[in-house]
Amino acid sequence: MRWIQTLSWPGLEAYNSAARQTLTNPDTQLTEGFVKAHDRLKFYWILGAGHSVGGLSELSHAILRRCIVKDNKAK
């Protein structure tokens, strides 16, 4: 995302070179989205959500919540 490039922080170069990680539905093995992260900046791409994550299926919600909560508890 372009706006991230306007941030002034020492981790920007490392964030730019970080790989996107796939968020996969364990039941269907379908890709639900991606996350790219460095330090405390995490950017989530949610596939099929349009402008609202609220439009996701309950299973997609559960996968996204699990990823975010797991990340936050690990810190």
N, C-alpha and C. Protein backbone atom coordinates (compact mmCIF):
# COMPACT_ATOMS: atom_id res chain seq x y z
N MET A 1 0.83 -1.17 0.00
CA MET A 1 0.00 0.00 0.00
C MET A 1 0.89 1.24 0.00
N ARG A 2 0.50 2.18 -0.78
CA ARG A 2 1.31 3.40 -0.94
C ARG A 2 1.46 4.19 0.36
N TRP A 3 0.40 4.26 1.16
CA TRP A 3 0.48 5.08 2.37
C TRP A 3 1.53 4.57 3.34
N ILE A 4 1.80 3.28 3.32
CA ILE A 4 2.84 2.73 4.20
C ILE A 4 4.20 3.32 3.84
N GLN A 5 4.41 3.57 2.56
CA GLN A 5 5.69 4.13 2.11
C GLN A 5 5.89 5.57 2.60
N THR A 6 4.83 6.23 3.02
CA THR A 6 4.96 7.60 3.54
C THR A 6 5.32 7.62 5.02
N LEU A 7 5.29 6.48 5.67
CA LEU A 7 5.63 6.43 7.09
C LEU A 7 7.12 6.67 7.29
N SER A 8 7.43 7.38 8.31
CA SER A 8 8.84 7.65 8.63
C SER A 8 9.19 6.85 9.88
N TRP A 9 9.79 5.68 9.69
CA TRP A 9 10.19 4.85 10.82
C TRP A 9 11.35 3.96 10.40
N PRO A 10 12.19 3.59 11.33
CA PRO A 10 13.40 2.84 10.97
C PRO A 10 13.14 1.44 10.43
N GLY A 11 11.94 0.91 10.58
CA GLY A 11 11.65 -0.44 10.11
C GLY A 11 11.08 -0.53 8.71
N LEU A 12 10.94 0.61 8.03
CA LEU A 12 10.29 0.60 6.71
C LEU A 12 11.01 -0.28 5.70
N GLU A 13 12.31 -0.21 5.64
CA GLU A 13 13.06 -1.02 4.68
C GLU A 13 12.88 -2.51 4.97
N ALA A 14 12.93 -2.88 6.24
CA ALA A 14 12.73 -4.29 6.60
C ALA A 14 11.31 -4.73 6.29
N TYR A 15 10.32 -3.87 6.53
CA TYR A 15 8.94 -4.20 6.20
C TYR A 15 8.81 -4.42 4.69
N ASN A 16 9.39 -3.53 3.91
CA ASN A 16 9.31 -3.65 2.45
C ASN A 16 9.90 -4.96 1.95
N SER A 17 10.95 -5.45 2.59
CA SER A 17 11.58 -6.68 2.13
C SER A 17 10.98 -7.94 2.76
N ALA A 18 10.06 -7.77 3.71
CA ALA A 18 9.42 -8.93 4.34
C ALA A 18 8.48 -9.62 3.36
N ALA A 19 8.40 -10.92 3.47
CA ALA A 19 7.50 -11.70 2.60
C ALA A 19 6.09 -11.70 3.14
N ARG A 20 5.11 -11.75 2.24
CA ARG A 20 3.72 -11.91 2.68
C ARG A 20 3.51 -13.36 3.08
N GLN A 21 2.84 -13.56 4.21
CA GLN A 21 2.50 -14.90 4.66
C GLN A 21 1.05 -15.19 4.29
N THR A 22 0.78 -16.41 3.87
CA THR A 22 -0.56 -16.81 3.46
C THR A 22 -1.40 -17.20 4.67
N LEU A 23 -2.66 -16.75 4.69
CA LEU A 23 -3.64 -17.17 5.69
C LEU A 23 -4.53 -18.20 5.01
N THR A 24 -4.42 -19.44 5.43
CA THR A 24 -5.11 -20.55 4.78
C THR A 24 -6.20 -21.12 5.68
N ASN A 25 -7.35 -21.41 5.08
CA ASN A 25 -8.43 -22.06 5.79
C ASN A 25 -8.03 -23.52 6.00
N PRO A 26 -7.91 -23.97 7.26
CA PRO A 26 -7.44 -25.34 7.50
C PRO A 26 -8.43 -26.42 7.04
N ASP A 27 -9.71 -26.06 6.92
CA ASP A 27 -10.70 -27.05 6.50
C ASP A 27 -10.74 -27.24 4.99
N THR A 28 -10.60 -26.14 4.24
CA THR A 28 -10.71 -26.21 2.79
C THR A 28 -9.38 -26.07 2.07
N GLN A 29 -8.34 -25.66 2.81
CA GLN A 29 -7.02 -25.37 2.25
C GLN A 29 -7.04 -24.21 1.25
N LEU A 30 -8.12 -23.41 1.27
CA LEU A 30 -8.20 -22.24 0.40
C LEU A 30 -7.49 -21.07 1.06
N THR A 31 -6.90 -20.23 0.25
CA THR A 31 -6.25 -19.02 0.75
C THR A 31 -7.32 -18.00 1.10
N GLU A 32 -7.34 -17.55 2.36
CA GLU A 32 -8.31 -16.56 2.83
C GLU A 32 -7.74 -15.15 2.79
N GLY A 33 -6.41 -15.05 2.77
CA GLY A 33 -5.78 -13.73 2.74
C GLY A 33 -4.29 -13.84 2.96
N PHE A 34 -3.70 -12.70 3.26
CA PHE A 34 -2.26 -12.62 3.47
C PHE A 34 -1.98 -11.65 4.60
N VAL A 35 -0.82 -11.78 5.21
CA VAL A 35 -0.36 -10.80 6.18
C VAL A 35 1.11 -10.52 5.91
N LYS A 36 1.49 -9.27 6.00
CA LYS A 36 2.88 -8.86 5.87
C LYS A 36 3.22 -8.10 7.14
N ALA A 37 4.36 -8.42 7.75
CA ALA A 37 4.65 -7.82 9.05
C ALA A 37 6.13 -7.58 9.25
N HIS A 38 6.39 -6.56 10.03
CA HIS A 38 7.72 -6.32 10.58
C HIS A 38 7.51 -5.56 11.88
N ASP A 39 8.16 -6.04 12.93
CA ASP A 39 8.05 -5.42 14.25
C ASP A 39 6.57 -5.38 14.63
N ARG A 40 6.01 -4.22 14.92
CA ARG A 40 4.62 -4.16 15.36
C ARG A 40 3.66 -3.75 14.25
N LEU A 41 4.15 -3.54 13.03
CA LEU A 41 3.27 -3.21 11.92
C LEU A 41 2.87 -4.49 11.20
N LYS A 42 1.57 -4.74 11.15
CA LYS A 42 1.04 -5.90 10.43
C LYS A 42 -0.06 -5.41 9.49
N PHE A 43 0.04 -5.81 8.24
CA PHE A 43 -0.96 -5.42 7.26
C PHE A 43 -1.63 -6.68 6.73
N TYR A 44 -2.96 -6.73 6.84
CA TYR A 44 -3.73 -7.90 6.42
C TYR A 44 -4.45 -7.61 5.11
N TRP A 45 -4.33 -8.52 4.13
CA TRP A 45 -5.13 -8.52 2.91
C TRP A 45 -6.15 -9.63 3.09
N ILE A 46 -7.43 -9.31 3.08
CA ILE A 46 -8.48 -10.30 3.24
C ILE A 46 -9.17 -10.48 1.90
N LEU A 47 -9.06 -11.66 1.32
CA LEU A 47 -9.62 -11.93 0.01
C LEU A 47 -11.14 -12.07 0.09
N GLY A 48 -11.82 -11.51 -0.89
CA GLY A 48 -13.26 -11.65 -0.98
C GLY A 48 -14.04 -10.80 0.01
N ALA A 49 -13.39 -9.90 0.72
CA ALA A 49 -14.09 -9.10 1.72
C ALA A 49 -14.66 -7.81 1.15
N GLY A 50 -14.22 -7.41 -0.02
CA GLY A 50 -14.67 -6.13 -0.56
C GLY A 50 -14.23 -5.01 0.36
N HIS A 51 -15.13 -4.10 0.66
CA HIS A 51 -14.80 -2.98 1.53
C HIS A 51 -15.10 -3.28 2.99
N SER A 52 -15.61 -4.46 3.28
CA SER A 52 -16.03 -4.76 4.64
C SER A 52 -15.67 -6.18 5.01
N VAL A 53 -14.85 -6.32 6.04
CA VAL A 53 -14.52 -7.66 6.53
C VAL A 53 -15.78 -8.32 7.09
N GLY A 54 -16.76 -7.51 7.46
CA GLY A 54 -18.03 -8.06 7.97
C GLY A 54 -18.75 -8.94 6.96
N GLY A 55 -18.38 -8.85 5.69
CA GLY A 55 -19.01 -9.67 4.67
C GLY A 55 -18.41 -11.07 4.57
N LEU A 56 -17.43 -11.37 5.40
CA LEU A 56 -16.80 -12.69 5.36
C LEU A 56 -17.69 -13.75 5.98
N SER A 57 -17.43 -14.98 5.63
CA SER A 57 -18.14 -16.09 6.25
C SER A 57 -17.70 -16.22 7.72
N GLU A 58 -18.47 -16.90 8.52
CA GLU A 58 -18.13 -17.09 9.93
C GLU A 58 -16.79 -17.81 10.07
N LEU A 59 -16.52 -18.76 9.19
CA LEU A 59 -15.25 -19.48 9.25
C LEU A 59 -14.08 -18.54 8.94
N SER A 60 -14.25 -17.66 7.96
CA SER A 60 -13.20 -16.69 7.65
C SER A 60 -12.97 -15.75 8.82
N HIS A 61 -14.04 -15.33 9.47
CA HIS A 61 -13.91 -14.50 10.67
C HIS A 61 -13.09 -15.23 11.73
N ALA A 62 -13.39 -16.49 11.94
CA ALA A 62 -12.69 -17.26 12.97
C ALA A 62 -11.20 -17.38 12.66
N ILE A 63 -10.86 -17.60 11.41
CA ILE A 63 -9.46 -17.72 11.02
C ILE A 63 -8.74 -16.40 11.25
N LEU A 64 -9.35 -15.29 10.84
CA LEU A 64 -8.74 -13.97 11.01
C LEU A 64 -8.58 -13.64 12.49
N ARG A 65 -9.61 -13.87 13.30
CA ARG A 65 -9.51 -13.61 14.74
C ARG A 65 -8.41 -14.44 15.37
N ARG A 66 -8.32 -15.70 15.00
CA ARG A 66 -7.29 -16.58 15.56
C ARG A 66 -5.89 -16.06 15.23
N CYS A 67 -5.68 -15.61 14.00
CA CYS A 67 -4.37 -15.08 13.59
C CYS A 67 -4.03 -13.82 14.38
N ILE A 68 -4.97 -12.91 14.51
CA ILE A 68 -4.70 -11.65 15.20
C ILE A 68 -4.49 -11.88 16.69
N VAL A 69 -5.32 -12.68 17.32
CA VAL A 69 -5.18 -12.95 18.76
C VAL A 69 -3.88 -13.69 19.04
N LYS A 70 -3.56 -14.66 18.20
CA LYS A 70 -2.30 -15.39 18.37
C LYS A 70 -1.11 -14.45 18.27
N ASP A 71 -1.12 -13.55 17.29
CA ASP A 71 -0.04 -12.57 17.14
C ASP A 71 0.07 -11.69 18.37
N ASN A 72 -1.04 -11.22 18.88
CA ASN A 72 -1.03 -10.31 20.01
C ASN A 72 -0.60 -11.01 21.30
N LYS A 73 -0.94 -12.25 21.47
CA LYS A 73 -0.54 -12.98 22.68
C LYS A 73 0.93 -13.35 22.64
N ALA A 74 1.50 -13.46 21.45
CA ALA A 74 2.91 -13.84 21.32
C ALA A 74 3.84 -12.71 21.73
N LYS A 75 3.36 -11.51 21.83
CA LYS A 75 4.20 -10.35 22.14
C LYS A 75 4.32 -10.13 23.63
